[in-house]
């Protein structure tokens, strides 16, 4: 791996080999989703606890202070929305020259394995990897499932993650699932956890994050589980403790509860 690529990866993955990405790219297909209506207000209090920000170029320009930010992973796929016919029918929306102008450390693109647009999204990934290699820009492949949430099982996610790695992705973002070790063990590049199943409590989030880290993920890319929480700063601090201090779910819950109480005192 050449110097530029290695340097950018080192910005994203911390010295302990772990990382916490904060994704705020949801608006590219969901619009002003709940608690991301004003991106700047969502991002600013959470940024100190993130290792990198996953964001579109529009929100980066409008809502992130260029004098005070973390490494940026730029979302470069899109072209569809929740009101359209098929979320999987994506294209590449941002040039590599624009990525360089914005000083991004990496780019992220969704692939939809098993969809009607599987071939197109996989070729999008391949083309993006070629361009990234030319300029030393790492590519994160996102194993998206669109509206078909039933695909979030180990067999499917292992397949999608391995294909992404085979096509040259430097990092794979995929969902946590039961038997998550099968996903990680079958993927020869680092795996980042996206969200997991629908859960009702913070402890359940801490449990699947801890499980995924124990089974080989290098970190998390959690958005709604953090910024849609009533106490997002407490939530990201608790998750940070699992990722970087190997805190147990119980320890993370205690940290969350303590930080929550501190926030309530200030309000």
C-alpha atoms as a PDB file:
ATOM      1  CA  UNK A   1       0.000   0.000   0.000  1.00  0.00           C
ATOM      2  CA  UNK A   2       1.490   3.343  -1.062  1.00  0.00           C
ATOM      3  CA  UNK A   3       2.223   6.196   1.367  1.00  0.00           C
ATOM      4  CA  UNK A   4      -0.862   8.323   0.648  1.00  0.00           C
ATOM      5  CA  UNK A   5      -3.256   5.412   0.984  1.00  0.00           C
ATOM      6  CA  UNK A   6      -1.547   4.251   4.185  1.00  0.00           C
ATOM      7  CA  UNK A   7      -1.630   7.750   5.647  1.00  0.00           C
ATOM      8  CA  UNK A   8      -5.335   8.182   4.945  1.00  0.00           C
ATOM      9  CA  UNK A   9      -6.151   4.789   6.453  1.00  0.00           C
ATOM     10  CA  UNK A  10      -4.127   5.761   9.542  1.00  0.00           C
ATOM     11  CA  UNK A  11      -6.266   8.886   9.911  1.00  0.00           C
ATOM     12  CA  UNK A  12      -9.376   6.697  10.012  1.00  0.00           C
ATOM     13  CA  UNK A  13      -8.201   3.730  12.065  1.00  0.00           C
ATOM     14  CA  UNK A  14      -6.704   4.728  15.397  1.00  0.00           C
ATOM     15  CA  UNK A  15      -3.483   3.419  16.938  1.00  0.00           C
ATOM     16  CA  UNK A  16      -5.400   0.736  18.859  1.00  0.00           C
ATOM     17  CA  UNK A  17      -6.648  -0.667  15.541  1.00  0.00           C
ATOM     18  CA  UNK A  18     -10.226   0.471  16.225  1.00  0.00           C
ATOM     19  CA  UNK A  19     -12.437   3.295  15.005  1.00  0.00           C
ATOM     20  CA  UNK A  20     -15.764   5.043  15.504  1.00  0.00           C
ATOM     21  CA  UNK A  21     -17.283   6.563  12.373  1.00  0.00           C
ATOM     22  CA  UNK A  22     -20.202   8.984  12.739  1.00  0.00           C
ATOM     23  CA  UNK A  23     -22.520   8.747   9.712  1.00  0.00           C
ATOM     24  CA  UNK A  24     -24.761  11.708   8.931  1.00  0.00           C
ATOM     25  CA  UNK A  25     -25.329  10.889   5.256  1.00  0.00           C
ATOM     26  CA  UNK A  26     -28.910   9.657   5.650  1.00  0.00           C
ATOM     27  CA  UNK A  27     -30.431  12.742   4.039  1.00  0.00           C
ATOM     28  CA  UNK A  28     -29.128  11.773   0.597  1.00  0.00           C
ATOM     29  CA  UNK A  29     -32.067   9.378   0.244  1.00  0.00           C
ATOM     30  CA  UNK A  30     -34.264  10.098   3.294  1.00  0.00           C
ATOM     31  CA  UNK A  31     -34.341  13.889   3.264  1.00  0.00           C
ATOM     32  CA  UNK A  32     -34.562  15.693   6.656  1.00  0.00           C
ATOM     33  CA  UNK A  33     -34.917  12.570   8.767  1.00  0.00           C
ATOM     34  CA  UNK A  34     -35.746  12.918  12.463  1.00  0.00           C
ATOM     35  CA  UNK A  35     -33.065  14.696  14.502  1.00  0.00           C
ATOM     36  CA  UNK A  36     -31.000  15.303  11.381  1.00  0.00           C
ATOM     37  CA  UNK A  37     -33.200  18.163  10.179  1.00  0.00           C
ATOM     38  CA  UNK A  38     -30.421  20.652  10.961  1.00  0.00           C
ATOM     39  CA  UNK A  39     -27.173  18.735  10.394  1.00  0.00           C
ATOM     40  CA  UNK A  40     -24.868  21.271  12.020  1.00  0.00           C
ATOM     41  CA  UNK A  41     -26.760  21.066  15.329  1.00  0.00           C
ATOM     42  CA  UNK A  42     -26.572  17.260  15.220  1.00  0.00           C
ATOM     43  CA  UNK A  43     -22.916  17.037  14.262  1.00  0.00           C
ATOM     44  CA  UNK A  44     -21.183  19.643  16.446  1.00  0.00           C
ATOM     45  CA  UNK A  45     -21.693  18.140  19.938  1.00  0.00           C
ATOM     46  CA  UNK A  46     -20.874  14.616  18.719  1.00  0.00           C
ATOM     47  CA  UNK A  47     -17.803  15.309  16.614  1.00  0.00           C
ATOM     48  CA  UNK A  48     -15.305  15.373  19.519  1.00  0.00           C
ATOM     49  CA  UNK A  49     -16.089  11.712  20.258  1.00  0.00           C
ATOM     50  CA  UNK A  50     -15.934  10.441  16.648  1.00  0.00           C
ATOM     51  CA  UNK A  51     -12.827   9.317  14.782  1.00  0.00           C
ATOM     52  CA  UNK A  52     -14.257  10.200  11.365  1.00  0.00           C
ATOM     53  CA  UNK A  53     -17.366  11.699   9.804  1.00  0.00           C
ATOM     54  CA  UNK A  54     -19.300   9.932   7.007  1.00  0.00           C
ATOM     55  CA  UNK A  55     -21.079  12.699   5.116  1.00  0.00           C
ATOM     56  CA  UNK A  56     -22.187  13.981   1.702  1.00  0.00           C
ATOM     57  CA  UNK A  57     -20.399  16.879   0.068  1.00  0.00           C
ATOM     58  CA  UNK A  58     -23.416  19.150   0.444  1.00  0.00           C
ATOM     59  CA  UNK A  59     -23.700  18.721   4.197  1.00  0.00           C
ATOM     60  CA  UNK A  60     -19.926  18.859   4.580  1.00  0.00           C
ATOM     61  CA  UNK A  61     -19.833  22.274   2.900  1.00  0.00           C
ATOM     62  CA  UNK A  62     -22.892  23.700   4.622  1.00  0.00           C
ATOM     63  CA  UNK A  63     -22.749  22.213   8.087  1.00  0.00           C
ATOM     64  CA  UNK A  64     -19.190  21.248   9.087  1.00  0.00           C
ATOM     65  CA  UNK A  65     -16.615  23.800  10.215  1.00  0.00           C
ATOM     66  CA  UNK A  66     -13.518  23.332   8.007  1.00  0.00           C
ATOM     67  CA  UNK A  67     -11.376  24.700  10.834  1.00  0.00           C
ATOM     68  CA  UNK A  68     -12.546  22.099  13.333  1.00  0.00           C
ATOM     69  CA  UNK A  69     -13.331  18.705  11.911  1.00  0.00           C
ATOM     70  CA  UNK A  70     -12.231  15.083  11.922  1.00  0.00           C
ATOM     71  CA  UNK A  71     -11.210  12.982   8.913  1.00  0.00           C
ATOM     72  CA  UNK A  72     -14.003  12.839   6.371  1.00  0.00           C
ATOM     73  CA  UNK A  73     -15.382   9.821   4.528  1.00  0.00           C
ATOM     74  CA  UNK A  74     -17.326  11.252   1.621  1.00  0.00           C
ATOM     75  CA  UNK A  75     -20.556   9.530   0.528  1.00  0.00           C
ATOM     76  CA  UNK A  76     -20.252   9.354  -3.270  1.00  0.00           C
ATOM     77  CA  UNK A  77     -23.152   7.110  -4.315  1.00  0.00           C
ATOM     78  CA  UNK A  78     -26.783   8.080  -4.673  1.00  0.00           C
ATOM     79  CA  UNK A  79     -29.386   9.139  -7.182  1.00  0.00           C
ATOM     80  CA  UNK A  80     -32.412   7.469  -5.571  1.00  0.00           C
ATOM     81  CA  UNK A  81     -34.785   8.259  -2.692  1.00  0.00           C
ATOM     82  CA  UNK A  82     -37.266   6.616  -0.353  1.00  0.00           C
ATOM     83  CA  UNK A  83     -40.126   7.784  -2.568  1.00  0.00           C
ATOM     84  CA  UNK A  84     -38.578   6.402  -5.741  1.00  0.00           C
ATOM     85  CA  UNK A  85     -39.036   3.009  -7.322  1.00  0.00           C
ATOM     86  CA  UNK A  86     -35.870   1.254  -6.134  1.00  0.00           C
ATOM     87  CA  UNK A  87     -33.205   2.422  -3.681  1.00  0.00           C
ATOM     88  CA  UNK A  88     -30.711   0.046  -5.283  1.00  0.00           C
ATOM     89  CA  UNK A  89     -30.575   1.936  -8.585  1.00  0.00           C
ATOM     90  CA  UNK A  90     -27.662   4.138  -7.492  1.00  0.00           C
ATOM     91  CA  UNK A  91     -24.876   5.791  -9.416  1.00  0.00           C
ATOM     92  CA  UNK A  92     -21.676   7.622  -8.497  1.00  0.00           C
ATOM     93  CA  UNK A  93     -22.553  11.210  -7.617  1.00  0.00           C
ATOM     94  CA  UNK A  94     -19.190  12.806  -6.832  1.00  0.00           C
ATOM     95  CA  UNK A  95     -15.959  12.918  -8.837  1.00  0.00           C
ATOM     96  CA  UNK A  96     -12.598  11.924  -7.398  1.00  0.00           C
ATOM     97  CA  UNK A  97     -11.347  15.434  -8.153  1.00  0.00           C
ATOM     98  CA  UNK A  98     -14.076  16.785  -5.879  1.00  0.00           C
ATOM     99  CA  UNK A  99     -13.068  14.276  -3.199  1.00  0.00           C
ATOM    100  CA  UNK A 100      -9.517  15.616  -3.340  1.00  0.00           C
ATOM    101  CA  UNK A 101     -10.689  19.261  -3.311  1.00  0.00           C
ATOM    102  CA  UNK A 102     -12.657  18.546  -0.148  1.00  0.00           C
ATOM    103  CA  UNK A 103      -9.615  16.846   1.415  1.00  0.00           C
ATOM    104  CA  UNK A 104     -11.538  13.667   2.215  1.00  0.00           C
ATOM    105  CA  UNK A 105      -9.652  10.779   3.796  1.00  0.00           C
ATOM    106  CA  UNK A 106     -11.834   8.150   2.075  1.00  0.00           C
ATOM    107  CA  UNK A 107     -14.996   7.620   0.064  1.00  0.00           C
ATOM    108  CA  UNK A 108     -18.028   5.423   0.714  1.00  0.00           C
ATOM    109  CA  UNK A 109     -20.343   3.725  -1.764  1.00  0.00           C
ATOM    110  CA  UNK A 110     -23.305   1.362  -1.371  1.00  0.00           C
ATOM    111  CA  UNK A 111     -23.602  -2.018  -3.063  1.00  0.00           C
ATOM    112  CA  UNK A 112     -26.896  -3.910  -3.330  1.00  0.00           C
ATOM    113  CA  UNK A 113     -26.049  -7.597  -3.680  1.00  0.00           C
ATOM    114  CA  UNK A 114     -29.054  -9.666  -4.714  1.00  0.00           C
ATOM    115  CA  UNK A 115     -31.044  -6.703  -6.040  1.00  0.00           C
ATOM    116  CA  UNK A 116     -32.102  -6.000  -9.610  1.00  0.00           C
ATOM    117  CA  UNK A 117     -29.203  -3.545  -9.751  1.00  0.00           C
ATOM    118  CA  UNK A 118     -26.547  -5.808  -8.256  1.00  0.00           C
ATOM    119  CA  UNK A 119     -24.307  -5.666 -11.344  1.00  0.00           C
ATOM    120  CA  UNK A 120     -24.513  -1.894 -11.674  1.00  0.00           C
ATOM    121  CA  UNK A 121     -23.654  -1.215  -8.036  1.00  0.00           C
ATOM    122  CA  UNK A 122     -20.788  -3.708  -8.042  1.00  0.00           C
ATOM    123  CA  UNK A 123     -19.356  -2.153 -11.186  1.00  0.00           C
ATOM    124  CA  UNK A 124     -19.743   1.267  -9.541  1.00  0.00           C
ATOM    125  CA  UNK A 125     -17.594  -0.042  -6.695  1.00  0.00           C
ATOM    126  CA  UNK A 126     -14.991  -1.453  -9.076  1.00  0.00           C
ATOM    127  CA  UNK A 127     -14.716   1.816 -10.994  1.00  0.00           C
ATOM    128  CA  UNK A 128     -14.454   3.800  -7.778  1.00  0.00           C
ATOM    129  CA  UNK A 129     -11.668   1.540  -6.489  1.00  0.00           C
ATOM    130  CA  UNK A 130      -9.748   2.093  -9.746  1.00  0.00           C
ATOM    131  CA  UNK A 131     -10.044   5.873  -9.333  1.00  0.00           C
ATOM    132  CA  UNK A 132      -9.217   5.680  -5.638  1.00  0.00           C
ATOM    133  CA  UNK A 133      -6.067   3.672  -6.297  1.00  0.00           C
ATOM    134  CA  UNK A 134      -4.969   6.287  -8.822  1.00  0.00           C
ATOM    135  CA  UNK A 135      -5.100   9.042  -6.205  1.00  0.00           C
ATOM    136  CA  UNK A 136      -4.441   7.097  -3.002  1.00  0.00           C
ATOM    137  CA  UNK A 137      -8.026   7.367  -1.719  1.00  0.00           C
ATOM    138  CA  UNK A 138      -9.408   4.395   0.298  1.00  0.00           C
ATOM    139  CA  UNK A 139     -12.873   3.102  -0.586  1.00  0.00           C
ATOM    140  CA  UNK A 140     -15.432   1.905   1.973  1.00  0.00           C
ATOM    141  CA  UNK A 141     -18.082  -0.420   0.542  1.00  0.00           C
ATOM    142  CA  UNK A 142     -21.451  -0.325   2.297  1.00  0.00           C
ATOM    143  CA  UNK A 143     -23.444  -3.566   2.067  1.00  0.00           C
ATOM    144  CA  UNK A 144     -26.840  -1.918   1.729  1.00  0.00           C
ATOM    145  CA  UNK A 145     -30.078  -3.893   1.755  1.00  0.00           C
ATOM    146  CA  UNK A 146     -32.562  -1.165   0.832  1.00  0.00           C
ATOM    147  CA  UNK A 147     -36.032  -1.950   2.153  1.00  0.00           C
ATOM    148  CA  UNK A 148     -35.369  -5.704   2.304  1.00  0.00           C
ATOM    149  CA  UNK A 149     -34.330  -5.930   5.937  1.00  0.00           C
ATOM    150  CA  UNK A 150     -34.764  -9.701   5.925  1.00  0.00           C
ATOM    151  CA  UNK A 151     -31.411  -9.955   4.173  1.00  0.00           C
ATOM    152  CA  UNK A 152     -29.554  -9.046   7.350  1.00  0.00           C
ATOM    153  CA  UNK A 153     -28.345 -12.570   8.135  1.00  0.00           C
ATOM    154  CA  UNK A 154     -24.823 -13.940   8.324  1.00  0.00           C
ATOM    155  CA  UNK A 155     -24.996 -15.897   5.081  1.00  0.00           C
ATOM    156  CA  UNK A 156     -26.072 -12.880   3.014  1.00  0.00           C
ATOM    157  CA  UNK A 157     -23.830 -10.338   4.750  1.00  0.00           C
ATOM    158  CA  UNK A 158     -20.799 -12.639   4.496  1.00  0.00           C
ATOM    159  CA  UNK A 159     -21.461 -13.006   0.773  1.00  0.00           C
ATOM    160  CA  UNK A 160     -21.861  -9.265   0.203  1.00  0.00           C
ATOM    161  CA  UNK A 161     -18.842  -8.358   2.338  1.00  0.00           C
ATOM    162  CA  UNK A 162     -16.569 -10.875   0.633  1.00  0.00           C
ATOM    163  CA  UNK A 163     -17.627  -9.688  -2.827  1.00  0.00           C
ATOM    164  CA  UNK A 164     -16.877  -6.083  -1.814  1.00  0.00           C
ATOM    165  CA  UNK A 165     -13.409  -7.095  -0.639  1.00  0.00           C
ATOM    166  CA  UNK A 166     -12.791  -9.145  -3.782  1.00  0.00           C
ATOM    167  CA  UNK A 167     -13.604  -6.090  -5.915  1.00  0.00           C
ATOM    168  CA  UNK A 168     -11.025  -4.036  -4.048  1.00  0.00           C
ATOM    169  CA  UNK A 169     -12.798  -2.254  -1.183  1.00  0.00           C
ATOM    170  CA  UNK A 170     -10.331  -1.259   1.526  1.00  0.00           C
ATOM    171  CA  UNK A 171     -12.950  -1.324   4.309  1.00  0.00           C
ATOM    172  CA  UNK A 172     -16.414  -2.920   4.420  1.00  0.00           C
ATOM    173  CA  UNK A 173     -19.308  -1.470   6.371  1.00  0.00           C
ATOM    174  CA  UNK A 174     -21.944  -4.079   7.102  1.00  0.00           C
ATOM    175  CA  UNK A 175     -24.717  -4.823   9.584  1.00  0.00           C
ATOM    176  CA  UNK A 176     -24.219  -6.707  12.812  1.00  0.00           C
ATOM    177  CA  UNK A 177     -26.096 -10.020  12.848  1.00  0.00           C
ATOM    178  CA  UNK A 178     -26.238 -13.306  14.704  1.00  0.00           C
ATOM    179  CA  UNK A 179     -23.094 -15.374  14.008  1.00  0.00           C
ATOM    180  CA  UNK A 180     -21.280 -12.177  13.057  1.00  0.00           C
ATOM    181  CA  UNK A 181     -17.938 -13.970  13.187  1.00  0.00           C
ATOM    182  CA  UNK A 182     -18.859 -15.685   9.900  1.00  0.00           C
ATOM    183  CA  UNK A 183     -19.054 -12.279   8.239  1.00  0.00           C
ATOM    184  CA  UNK A 184     -15.745 -11.049   9.664  1.00  0.00           C
ATOM    185  CA  UNK A 185     -13.818 -14.275   9.133  1.00  0.00           C
ATOM    186  CA  UNK A 186     -14.834 -14.437   5.487  1.00  0.00           C
ATOM    187  CA  UNK A 187     -13.820 -10.851   4.738  1.00  0.00           C
ATOM    188  CA  UNK A 188     -10.081 -10.237   4.187  1.00  0.00           C
ATOM    189  CA  UNK A 189     -10.320  -6.466   4.785  1.00  0.00           C
ATOM    190  CA  UNK A 190     -11.396  -4.592   7.956  1.00  0.00           C
ATOM    191  CA  UNK A 191     -15.092  -4.733   8.838  1.00  0.00           C
ATOM    192  CA  UNK A 192     -16.992  -1.825  10.365  1.00  0.00           C
ATOM    193  CA  UNK A 193     -20.382  -2.432  12.001  1.00  0.00           C
ATOM    194  CA  UNK A 194     -23.399  -0.472  10.887  1.00  0.00           C
ATOM    195  CA  UNK A 195     -26.599  -0.716  12.906  1.00  0.00           C
ATOM    196  CA  UNK A 196     -28.003  -3.978  14.110  1.00  0.00           C
ATOM    197  CA  UNK A 197     -31.538  -5.197  14.646  1.00  0.00           C
ATOM    198  CA  UNK A 198     -34.382  -2.996  15.853  1.00  0.00           C
ATOM    199  CA  UNK A 199     -33.895  -2.671  19.620  1.00  0.00           C
ATOM    200  CA  UNK A 200     -35.765  -0.942  22.416  1.00  0.00           C
ATOM    201  CA  UNK A 201     -33.029  -0.040  24.898  1.00  0.00           C
ATOM    202  CA  UNK A 202     -29.561   1.455  24.954  1.00  0.00           C
ATOM    203  CA  UNK A 203     -28.251  -1.717  26.618  1.00  0.00           C
ATOM    204  CA  UNK A 204     -29.275  -3.784  23.611  1.00  0.00           C
ATOM    205  CA  UNK A 205     -27.248  -1.447  21.364  1.00  0.00           C
ATOM    206  CA  UNK A 206     -24.240  -1.803  23.667  1.00  0.00           C
ATOM    207  CA  UNK A 207     -24.653  -5.580  23.592  1.00  0.00           C
ATOM    208  CA  UNK A 208     -24.545  -5.940  19.807  1.00  0.00           C
ATOM    209  CA  UNK A 209     -21.677  -3.449  19.519  1.00  0.00           C
ATOM    210  CA  UNK A 210     -19.683  -5.351  22.132  1.00  0.00           C
ATOM    211  CA  UNK A 211     -20.466  -8.678  20.493  1.00  0.00           C
ATOM    212  CA  UNK A 212     -19.341  -7.418  17.097  1.00  0.00           C
ATOM    213  CA  UNK A 213     -16.100  -6.026  18.479  1.00  0.00           C
ATOM    214  CA  UNK A 214     -15.356  -9.304  20.255  1.00  0.00           C
ATOM    215  CA  UNK A 215     -15.954 -11.149  16.988  1.00  0.00           C
ATOM    216  CA  UNK A 216     -13.484  -9.127  14.982  1.00  0.00           C
ATOM    217  CA  UNK A 217     -15.025  -5.852  13.797  1.00  0.00           C
ATOM    218  CA  UNK A 218     -12.565  -2.956  14.022  1.00  0.00           C
ATOM    219  CA  UNK A 219     -15.243  -0.438  14.910  1.00  0.00           C
ATOM    220  CA  UNK A 220     -18.663   0.998  14.298  1.00  0.00           C
ATOM    221  CA  UNK A 221     -20.470   3.314  11.914  1.00  0.00           C
ATOM    222  CA  UNK A 222     -23.569   4.155  13.954  1.00  0.00           C
ATOM    223  CA  UNK A 223     -25.840   7.079  13.183  1.00  0.00           C
ATOM    224  CA  UNK A 224     -29.468   6.822  14.241  1.00  0.00           C
ATOM    225  CA  UNK A 225     -28.608   4.712  17.297  1.00  0.00           C
ATOM    226  CA  UNK A 226     -26.629   7.748  18.443  1.00  0.00           C
ATOM    227  CA  UNK A 227     -28.200  10.983  17.214  1.00  0.00           C
ATOM    228  CA  UNK A 228     -31.811   9.836  17.465  1.00  0.00           C
ATOM    229  CA  UNK A 229     -31.215   8.951  21.115  1.00  0.00           C
ATOM    230  CA  UNK A 230     -32.622  11.452  23.626  1.00  0.00           C
ATOM    231  CA  UNK A 231     -29.087  11.848  25.008  1.00  0.00           C
ATOM    232  CA  UNK A 232     -26.823  11.527  21.967  1.00  0.00           C
ATOM    233  CA  UNK A 233     -23.625  12.771  23.623  1.00  0.00           C
ATOM    234  CA  UNK A 234     -23.986  10.241  26.427  1.00  0.00           C
ATOM    235  CA  UNK A 235     -24.704   7.569  23.822  1.00  0.00           C
ATOM    236  CA  UNK A 236     -21.637   8.232  21.682  1.00  0.00           C
ATOM    237  CA  UNK A 237     -19.427   8.364  24.778  1.00  0.00           C
ATOM    238  CA  UNK A 238     -20.709   4.973  25.889  1.00  0.00           C
ATOM    239  CA  UNK A 239     -20.156   3.435  22.457  1.00  0.00           C
ATOM    240  CA  UNK A 240     -16.704   5.024  22.289  1.00  0.00           C
ATOM    241  CA  UNK A 241     -15.856   3.258  25.555  1.00  0.00           C
ATOM    242  CA  UNK A 242     -16.727  -0.137  24.036  1.00  0.00           C
ATOM    243  CA  UNK A 243     -14.777   0.525  20.834  1.00  0.00           C
ATOM    244  CA  UNK A 244     -11.658   2.050  22.375  1.00  0.00           C
ATOM    245  CA  UNK A 245     -11.603   0.920  26.026  1.00  0.00           C
ATOM    246  CA  UNK A 246     -13.150  -2.538  25.592  1.00  0.00           C
ATOM    247  CA  UNK A 247     -15.897  -1.612  28.051  1.00  0.00           C
ATOM    248  CA  UNK A 248     -18.552  -4.258  28.647  1.00  0.00           C
ATOM    249  CA  UNK A 249     -22.214  -3.527  27.870  1.00  0.00           C
ATOM    250  CA  UNK A 250     -22.844  -3.086  31.611  1.00  0.00           C
ATOM    251  CA  UNK A 251     -19.956  -0.618  31.942  1.00  0.00           C
ATOM    252  CA  UNK A 252     -21.170   1.278  28.878  1.00  0.00           C
ATOM    253  CA  UNK A 253     -24.670   1.426  30.364  1.00  0.00           C
ATOM    254  CA  UNK A 254     -23.284   2.870  33.593  1.00  0.00           C
ATOM    255  CA  UNK A 255     -21.334   5.494  31.658  1.00  0.00           C
ATOM    256  CA  UNK A 256     -24.419   6.370  29.633  1.00  0.00           C
ATOM    257  CA  UNK A 257     -26.550   6.719  32.756  1.00  0.00           C
ATOM    258  CA  UNK A 258     -23.959   8.916  34.491  1.00  0.00           C
ATOM    259  CA  UNK A 259     -23.534  11.197  31.469  1.00  0.00           C
ATOM    260  CA  UNK A 260     -27.302  11.365  31.057  1.00  0.00           C
ATOM    261  CA  UNK A 261     -27.656  12.541  34.641  1.00  0.00           C
ATOM    262  CA  UNK A 262     -25.004  15.221  34.077  1.00  0.00           C
ATOM    263  CA  UNK A 263     -26.863  16.463  30.991  1.00  0.00           C
ATOM    264  CA  UNK A 264     -30.126  16.588  32.912  1.00  0.00           C
ATOM    265  CA  UNK A 265     -28.505  18.671  35.653  1.00  0.00           C
ATOM    266  CA  UNK A 266     -27.339  21.217  33.075  1.00  0.00           C
ATOM    267  CA  UNK A 267     -30.742  21.528  31.427  1.00  0.00           C
END
